[in-house]
């Protein structure tokens, strides 16, 4: 799942092997469906990552 706030989320990480970003949250099928079909504007698992933390991960 990609949303507008994913790039600043603590749970958003880069996988060098697959050369892509992904969400670290381990969601099952039901949770993924509820999240993607929800009308809520924000991800309930979003966690603000500070600039220093995000810079160290890049």
Protein backbone atom coordinates (compact mmCIF):
# COMPACT_ATOMS: atom_id res chain seq x y z
CA UNK A 1 0.00 0.00 0.00
CA UNK A 2 1.27 3.42 -0.89
CA UNK A 3 -0.22 6.55 0.56
CA UNK A 4 0.71 10.21 0.66
CA UNK A 5 2.32 9.95 4.06
CA UNK A 6 4.26 6.69 3.56
CA UNK A 7 7.55 8.40 2.75
CA UNK A 8 7.70 9.93 6.23
CA UNK A 9 6.44 6.84 8.05
CA UNK A 10 8.61 4.90 10.48
CA UNK A 11 7.24 1.65 9.01
CA UNK A 12 8.23 2.40 5.40
CA UNK A 13 11.52 0.76 4.40
CA UNK A 14 13.62 0.03 1.34
CA UNK A 15 14.47 -3.50 0.23
CA UNK A 16 17.76 -3.50 -1.68
CA UNK A 17 17.25 -7.02 -3.00
CA UNK A 18 13.96 -6.14 -4.72
CA UNK A 19 14.88 -2.47 -5.27
CA UNK A 20 11.57 -1.20 -3.87
CA UNK A 21 9.98 0.36 -0.81
CA UNK A 22 7.50 -1.52 1.34
CA UNK A 23 5.56 -1.25 4.57
CA UNK A 24 7.05 -3.09 7.55
CA UNK A 25 3.65 -3.76 9.10
CA UNK A 26 2.91 -7.49 8.96
CA UNK A 27 -0.75 -7.41 7.94
CA UNK A 28 -2.84 -10.46 7.20
CA UNK A 29 -5.32 -10.57 4.30
CA UNK A 30 -8.26 -9.27 6.33
CA UNK A 31 -6.30 -6.34 7.79
CA UNK A 32 -4.97 -5.40 4.36
CA UNK A 33 -8.46 -5.47 2.86
CA UNK A 34 -9.90 -3.32 5.67
CA UNK A 35 -7.05 -0.83 5.35
CA UNK A 36 -7.31 -0.53 1.56
CA UNK A 37 -11.11 -0.33 1.51
CA UNK A 38 -11.36 2.15 4.37
CA UNK A 39 -12.62 5.69 3.85
CA UNK A 40 -10.28 7.02 6.53
CA UNK A 41 -7.83 9.59 5.17
CA UNK A 42 -4.91 8.33 7.28
CA UNK A 43 -3.27 4.98 7.80
CA UNK A 44 -3.90 3.71 11.36
CA UNK A 45 -0.34 2.29 11.43
CA UNK A 46 1.35 5.55 10.43
CA UNK A 47 4.13 6.55 12.78
CA UNK A 48 6.00 9.79 12.19
CA UNK A 49 9.70 9.17 11.63
CA UNK A 50 11.99 12.02 12.59
CA UNK A 51 14.27 13.54 9.93
CA UNK A 52 17.45 12.21 11.55
CA UNK A 53 16.12 8.67 11.73
CA UNK A 54 14.96 8.73 8.12
CA UNK A 55 18.29 10.18 6.93
CA UNK A 56 20.22 7.39 8.66
CA UNK A 57 18.12 4.77 6.87
CA UNK A 58 18.89 6.10 3.40
